[in-house]
Amino acid sequence: DVSAARRGPALCGPDEAQAVRRHLAAL
C-alpha cells in the first residue's frame, strides 16, 4: 500500500487485499 495518505509504504493485510484478489479472479 503506497496511498498518498500513508506516511510510508506498508504491506497490505488480508482484509485490505480482498478487493484486489476479486479483480485478479475476474481477470
PDB file of all heavy atoms in Angstrom:
ATOM      1  N   ASP A   1       0.847  -1.190   0.000  1.00  0.00           N
ATOM      2  CA  ASP A   1       0.000   0.000   0.000  1.00  0.00           C
ATOM      3  C   ASP A   1       0.884   1.243   0.000  1.00  0.00           C
ATOM      4  O   ASP A   1       1.671   1.465   0.929  1.00  0.00           O
ATOM      5  CB  ASP A   1      -0.900  -0.008   1.239  1.00  0.00           C
ATOM      6  CG  ASP A   1      -1.942   1.104   1.208  1.00  0.00           C
ATOM      7  OD1 ASP A   1      -1.861   1.988   0.326  1.00  0.00           O
ATOM      8  OD2 ASP A   1      -2.849   1.089   2.064  1.00  0.00           O
ATOM      9  N   VAL A   2       0.756   2.042  -1.070  1.00  0.00           N
ATOM     10  CA  VAL A   2       1.543   3.269  -1.192  1.00  0.00           C
ATOM     11  C   VAL A   2       0.626   4.479  -1.344  1.00  0.00           C
ATOM     12  O   VAL A   2       0.965   5.461  -1.995  1.00  0.00           O
ATOM     13  CB  VAL A   2       2.548   3.176  -2.370  1.00  0.00           C
ATOM     14  CG1 VAL A   2       3.576   2.100  -2.115  1.00  0.00           C
ATOM     15  CG2 VAL A   2       1.817   2.921  -3.687  1.00  0.00           C
ATOM     16  N   SER A   3      -0.548   4.419  -0.745  1.00  0.00           N
ATOM     17  CA  SER A   3      -1.502   5.525  -0.827  1.00  0.00           C
ATOM     18  C   SER A   3      -0.873   6.814  -0.294  1.00  0.00           C
ATOM     19  O   SER A   3      -0.067   6.790   0.645  1.00  0.00           O
ATOM     20  CB  SER A   3      -2.761   5.204  -0.027  1.00  0.00           C
ATOM     21  OG  SER A   3      -3.406   4.047  -0.536  1.00  0.00           O
ATOM     22  N   ALA A   4      -1.258   7.933  -0.907  1.00  0.00           N
ATOM     23  CA  ALA A   4      -0.655   9.213  -0.560  1.00  0.00           C
ATOM     24  C   ALA A   4      -0.863   9.587   0.904  1.00  0.00           C
ATOM     25  O   ALA A   4      -0.039  10.285   1.502  1.00  0.00           O
ATOM     26  CB  ALA A   4      -1.219  10.305  -1.463  1.00  0.00           C
ATOM     27  N   ALA A   5      -1.949   9.113   1.500  1.00  0.00           N
ATOM     28  CA  ALA A   5      -2.239   9.462   2.889  1.00  0.00           C
ATOM     29  C   ALA A   5      -1.329   8.743   3.881  1.00  0.00           C
ATOM     30  O   ALA A   5      -1.275   9.122   5.059  1.00  0.00           O
ATOM     31  CB  ALA A   5      -3.700   9.150   3.217  1.00  0.00           C
ATOM     32  N   ARG A   6      -0.623   7.732   3.426  1.00  0.00           N
ATOM     33  CA  ARG A   6       0.259   6.977   4.323  1.00  0.00           C
ATOM     34  C   ARG A   6       1.550   7.742   4.552  1.00  0.00           C
ATOM     35  O   ARG A   6       2.017   8.499   3.694  1.00  0.00           O
ATOM     36  CB  ARG A   6       0.575   5.605   3.742  1.00  0.00           C
ATOM     37  CG  ARG A   6      -0.622   4.683   3.550  1.00  0.00           C
ATOM     38  CD  ARG A   6      -0.131   3.257   3.300  1.00  0.00           C
ATOM     39  NE  ARG A   6       0.616   2.770   4.442  1.00  0.00           N
ATOM     40  CZ  ARG A   6       0.077   2.159   5.504  1.00  0.00           C
ATOM     41  NH1 ARG A   6      -1.231   1.945   5.550  1.00  0.00           N
ATOM     42  NH2 ARG A   6       0.824   1.760   6.495  1.00  0.00           N
ATOM     43  N   ARG A   7       2.183   7.499   5.690  1.00  0.00           N
ATOM     44  CA  ARG A   7       3.481   8.111   5.984  1.00  0.00           C
ATOM     45  C   ARG A   7       4.598   7.371   5.262  1.00  0.00           C
ATOM     46  O   ARG A   7       5.687   7.903   5.079  1.00  0.00           O
ATOM     47  CB  ARG A   7       3.730   8.117   7.480  1.00  0.00           C
ATOM     48  CG  ARG A   7       2.642   8.825   8.268  1.00  0.00           C
ATOM     49  CD  ARG A   7       2.900   8.830   9.759  1.00  0.00           C
ATOM     50  NE  ARG A   7       3.944   9.777  10.139  1.00  0.00           N
ATOM     51  CZ  ARG A   7       4.315  10.005  11.390  1.00  0.00           C
ATOM     52  NH1 ARG A   7       3.730   9.326  12.377  1.00  0.00           N
ATOM     53  NH2 ARG A   7       5.254  10.880  11.670  1.00  0.00           N
ATOM     54  N   GLY A   8       4.315   6.132   4.875  1.00  0.00           N
ATOM     55  CA  GLY A   8       5.294   5.325   4.158  1.00  0.00           C
ATOM     56  C   GLY A   8       4.648   4.042   3.684  1.00  0.00           C
ATOM     57  O   GLY A   8       3.540   3.689   4.125  1.00  0.00           O
ATOM     58  N   PRO A   9       5.276   3.317   2.756  1.00  0.00           N
ATOM     59  CA  PRO A   9       4.684   2.082   2.231  1.00  0.00           C
ATOM     60  C   PRO A   9       4.593   1.000   3.292  1.00  0.00           C
ATOM     61  O   PRO A   9       5.419   0.921   4.201  1.00  0.00           O
ATOM     62  CB  PRO A   9       5.641   1.687   1.102  1.00  0.00           C
ATOM     63  CG  PRO A   9       6.926   2.378   1.419  1.00  0.00           C
ATOM     64  CD  PRO A   9       6.577   3.633   2.130  1.00  0.00           C
ATOM     65  N   ALA A  10       3.565   0.143   3.152  1.00  0.00           N
ATOM     66  CA  ALA A  10       3.368  -0.958   4.098  1.00  0.00           C
ATOM     67  C   ALA A  10       2.667  -2.100   3.379  1.00  0.00           C
ATOM     68  O   ALA A  10       1.893  -1.879   2.442  1.00  0.00           O
ATOM     69  CB  ALA A  10       2.543  -0.514   5.302  1.00  0.00           C
ATOM     70  N   LEU A  11       2.934  -3.321   3.803  1.00  0.00           N
ATOM     71  CA  LEU A  11       2.263  -4.476   3.240  1.00  0.00           C
ATOM     72  C   LEU A  11       0.798  -4.496   3.655  1.00  0.00           C
ATOM     73  O   LEU A  11       0.453  -4.179   4.801  1.00  0.00           O
ATOM     74  CB  LEU A  11       2.945  -5.764   3.707  1.00  0.00           C
ATOM     75  CG  LEU A  11       4.332  -6.044   3.124  1.00  0.00           C
ATOM     76  CD1 LEU A  11       4.956  -7.255   3.800  1.00  0.00           C
ATOM     77  CD2 LEU A  11       4.254  -6.264   1.619  1.00  0.00           C
ATOM     78  N   CYS A  12      -0.067  -4.851   2.714  1.00  0.00           N
ATOM     79  CA  CYS A  12      -1.499  -4.941   2.995  1.00  0.00           C
ATOM     80  C   CYS A  12      -1.812  -6.216   3.769  1.00  0.00           C
ATOM     81  O   CYS A  12      -1.203  -7.267   3.535  1.00  0.00           O
ATOM     82  CB  CYS A  12      -2.299  -4.944   1.697  1.00  0.00           C
ATOM     83  SG  CYS A  12      -2.259  -3.395   0.787  1.00  0.00           S
ATOM     84  N   GLY A  13      -2.780  -6.127   4.652  1.00  0.00           N
ATOM     85  CA  GLY A  13      -3.283  -7.307   5.321  1.00  0.00           C
ATOM     86  C   GLY A  13      -4.306  -8.018   4.456  1.00  0.00           C
ATOM     87  O   GLY A  13      -4.721  -7.513   3.406  1.00  0.00           O
ATOM     88  N   PRO A  14      -4.757  -9.209   4.853  1.00  0.00           N
ATOM     89  CA  PRO A  14      -5.710  -9.991   4.053  1.00  0.00           C
ATOM     90  C   PRO A  14      -7.001  -9.240   3.753  1.00  0.00           C
ATOM     91  O   PRO A  14      -7.517  -9.312   2.641  1.00  0.00           O
ATOM     92  CB  PRO A  14      -5.960 -11.232   4.915  1.00  0.00           C
ATOM     93  CG  PRO A  14      -4.770 -11.340   5.804  1.00  0.00           C
ATOM     94  CD  PRO A  14      -4.324  -9.935   6.070  1.00  0.00           C
ATOM     95  N   ASP A  15      -7.530  -8.519   4.743  1.00  0.00           N
ATOM     96  CA  ASP A  15      -8.786  -7.810   4.508  1.00  0.00           C
ATOM     97  C   ASP A  15      -8.610  -6.688   3.492  1.00  0.00           C
ATOM     98  O   ASP A  15      -9.456  -6.483   2.610  1.00  0.00           O
ATOM     99  CB  ASP A  15      -9.330  -7.244   5.829  1.00  0.00           C
ATOM    100  CG  ASP A  15      -9.758  -8.334   6.798  1.00  0.00           C
ATOM    101  OD1 ASP A  15     -10.007  -9.459   6.325  1.00  0.00           O
ATOM    102  OD2 ASP A  15      -9.821  -8.064   8.003  1.00  0.00           O
ATOM    103  N   GLU A  16      -7.500  -5.945   3.598  1.00  0.00           N
ATOM    104  CA  GLU A  16      -7.238  -4.848   2.662  1.00  0.00           C
ATOM    105  C   GLU A  16      -7.061  -5.359   1.236  1.00  0.00           C
ATOM    106  O   GLU A  16      -7.413  -4.685   0.273  1.00  0.00           O
ATOM    107  CB  GLU A  16      -5.980  -4.089   3.086  1.00  0.00           C
ATOM    108  CG  GLU A  16      -6.048  -3.450   4.457  1.00  0.00           C
ATOM    109  CD  GLU A  16      -4.702  -2.893   4.874  1.00  0.00           C
ATOM    110  OE1 GLU A  16      -3.828  -3.682   5.279  1.00  0.00           O
ATOM    111  OE2 GLU A  16      -4.522  -1.670   4.772  1.00  0.00           O
ATOM    112  N   ALA A  17      -6.508  -6.567   1.116  1.00  0.00           N
ATOM    113  CA  ALA A  17      -6.197  -7.099  -0.209  1.00  0.00           C
ATOM    114  C   ALA A  17      -7.382  -7.790  -0.881  1.00  0.00           C
ATOM    115  O   ALA A  17      -7.293  -8.156  -2.054  1.00  0.00           O
ATOM    116  CB  ALA A  17      -5.036  -8.100  -0.098  1.00  0.00           C
ATOM    117  N   GLN A  18      -8.490  -7.947  -0.169  1.00  0.00           N
ATOM    118  CA  GLN A  18      -9.583  -8.761  -0.676  1.00  0.00           C
ATOM    119  C   GLN A  18     -10.143  -8.232  -1.993  1.00  0.00           C
ATOM    120  O   GLN A  18     -10.428  -8.996  -2.925  1.00  0.00           O
ATOM    121  CB  GLN A  18     -10.699  -8.852   0.373  1.00  0.00           C
ATOM    122  CG  GLN A  18     -11.744  -9.896   0.072  1.00  0.00           C
ATOM    123  CD  GLN A  18     -11.152 -11.302  -0.035  1.00  0.00           C
ATOM    124  OE1 GLN A  18     -10.279 -11.677   0.732  1.00  0.00           O
ATOM    125  NE2 GLN A  18     -11.617 -12.071  -1.016  1.00  0.00           N
ATOM    126  N   ALA A  19     -10.323  -6.913  -2.109  1.00  0.00           N
ATOM    127  CA  ALA A  19     -10.890  -6.349  -3.337  1.00  0.00           C
ATOM    128  C   ALA A  19      -9.976  -6.615  -4.525  1.00  0.00           C
ATOM    129  O   ALA A  19     -10.445  -6.968  -5.622  1.00  0.00           O
ATOM    130  CB  ALA A  19     -11.121  -4.851  -3.173  1.00  0.00           C
ATOM    131  N   VAL A  20      -8.675  -6.477  -4.325  1.00  0.00           N
ATOM    132  CA  VAL A  20      -7.735  -6.732  -5.416  1.00  0.00           C
ATOM    133  C   VAL A  20      -7.786  -8.201  -5.814  1.00  0.00           C
ATOM    134  O   VAL A  20      -7.733  -8.535  -7.006  1.00  0.00           O
ATOM    135  CB  VAL A  20      -6.306  -6.320  -5.008  1.00  0.00           C
ATOM    136  CG1 VAL A  20      -5.301  -6.701  -6.095  1.00  0.00           C
ATOM    137  CG2 VAL A  20      -6.244  -4.821  -4.734  1.00  0.00           C
ATOM    138  N   ARG A  21      -7.901  -9.089  -4.844  1.00  0.00           N
ATOM    139  CA  ARG A  21      -7.986 -10.519  -5.163  1.00  0.00           C
ATOM    140  C   ARG A  21      -9.203 -10.798  -6.045  1.00  0.00           C
ATOM    141  O   ARG A  21      -9.145 -11.610  -6.972  1.00  0.00           O
ATOM    142  CB  ARG A  21      -8.080 -11.355  -3.884  1.00  0.00           C
ATOM    143  CG  ARG A  21      -7.006 -11.125  -2.838  1.00  0.00           C
ATOM    144  CD  ARG A  21      -5.626 -11.465  -3.321  1.00  0.00           C
ATOM    145  NE  ARG A  21      -4.649 -11.324  -2.253  1.00  0.00           N
ATOM    146  CZ  ARG A  21      -3.406 -10.926  -2.422  1.00  0.00           C
ATOM    147  NH1 ARG A  21      -2.972 -10.614  -3.642  1.00  0.00           N
ATOM    148  NH2 ARG A  21      -2.572 -10.826  -1.412  1.00  0.00           N
ATOM    149  N   ARG A  22     -10.316 -10.115  -5.773  1.00  0.00           N
ATOM    150  CA  ARG A  22     -11.509 -10.304  -6.597  1.00  0.00           C
ATOM    151  C   ARG A  22     -11.271  -9.818  -8.023  1.00  0.00           C
ATOM    152  O   ARG A  22     -11.707 -10.463  -8.985  1.00  0.00           O
ATOM    153  CB  ARG A  22     -12.703  -9.567  -5.975  1.00  0.00           C
ATOM    154  CG  ARG A  22     -13.251 -10.201  -4.705  1.00  0.00           C
ATOM    155  CD  ARG A  22     -14.638  -9.665  -4.380  1.00  0.00           C
ATOM    156  NE  ARG A  22     -14.607  -8.227  -4.129  1.00  0.00           N
ATOM    157  CZ  ARG A  22     -14.425  -7.678  -2.919  1.00  0.00           C
ATOM    158  NH1 ARG A  22     -14.238  -8.460  -1.862  1.00  0.00           N
ATOM    159  NH2 ARG A  22     -14.433  -6.371  -2.775  1.00  0.00           N
ATOM    160  N   HIS A  23     -10.560  -8.703  -8.163  1.00  0.00           N
ATOM    161  CA  HIS A  23     -10.261  -8.193  -9.506  1.00  0.00           C
ATOM    162  C   HIS A  23      -9.363  -9.168 -10.269  1.00  0.00           C
ATOM    163  O   HIS A  23      -9.565  -9.411 -11.464  1.00  0.00           O
ATOM    164  CB  HIS A  23      -9.583  -6.825  -9.401  1.00  0.00           C
ATOM    165  CG  HIS A  23     -10.433  -5.790  -8.730  1.00  0.00           C
ATOM    166  ND1 HIS A  23      -9.916  -4.636  -8.180  1.00  0.00           N
ATOM    167  CD2 HIS A  23     -11.778  -5.741  -8.497  1.00  0.00           C
ATOM    168  CE1 HIS A  23     -10.897  -3.917  -7.656  1.00  0.00           C
ATOM    169  NE2 HIS A  23     -12.027  -4.571  -7.835  1.00  0.00           N
ATOM    170  N   LEU A  24      -8.375  -9.733  -9.589  1.00  0.00           N
ATOM    171  CA  LEU A  24      -7.492 -10.698 -10.245  1.00  0.00           C
ATOM    172  C   LEU A  24      -8.251 -11.965 -10.626  1.00  0.00           C
ATOM    173  O   LEU A  24      -7.993 -12.557 -11.678  1.00  0.00           O
ATOM    174  CB  LEU A  24      -6.306 -11.037  -9.333  1.00  0.00           C
ATOM    175  CG  LEU A  24      -5.350  -9.883  -9.015  1.00  0.00           C
ATOM    176  CD1 LEU A  24      -4.236 -10.360  -8.093  1.00  0.00           C
ATOM    177  CD2 LEU A  24      -4.770  -9.283 -10.285  1.00  0.00           C
ATOM    178  N   ALA A  25      -9.194 -12.375  -9.789  1.00  0.00           N
ATOM    179  CA  ALA A  25     -10.005 -13.547 -10.114  1.00  0.00           C
ATOM    180  C   ALA A  25     -10.878 -13.276 -11.335  1.00  0.00           C
ATOM    181  O   ALA A  25     -11.064 -14.146 -12.197  1.00  0.00           O
ATOM    182  CB  ALA A  25     -10.874 -13.940  -8.912  1.00  0.00           C
ATOM    183  N   ALA A  26     -11.409 -12.050 -11.437  1.00  0.00           N
ATOM    184  CA  ALA A  26     -12.209 -11.696 -12.613  1.00  0.00           C
ATOM    185  C   ALA A  26     -11.356 -11.693 -13.869  1.00  0.00           C
ATOM    186  O   ALA A  26     -11.791 -12.153 -14.940  1.00  0.00           O
ATOM    187  CB  ALA A  26     -12.859 -10.329 -12.403  1.00  0.00           C
ATOM    188  N   LEU A  27     -10.129 -11.198 -13.759  1.00  0.00           N
ATOM    189  CA  LEU A  27      -9.225 -11.197 -14.908  1.00  0.00           C
ATOM    190  C   LEU A  27      -8.871 -12.626 -15.300  1.00  0.00           C
ATOM    191  O   LEU A  27      -8.802 -12.948 -16.498  1.00  0.00           O
ATOM    192  CB  LEU A  27      -7.961 -10.407 -14.571  1.00  0.00           C
ATOM    193  CG  LEU A  27      -6.887 -10.348 -15.660  1.00  0.00           C
ATOM    194  CD1 LEU A  27      -7.446  -9.747 -16.938  1.00  0.00           C
ATOM    195  CD2 LEU A  27      -5.685  -9.547 -15.171  1.00  0.00           C
TER     196      LEU A  27
END
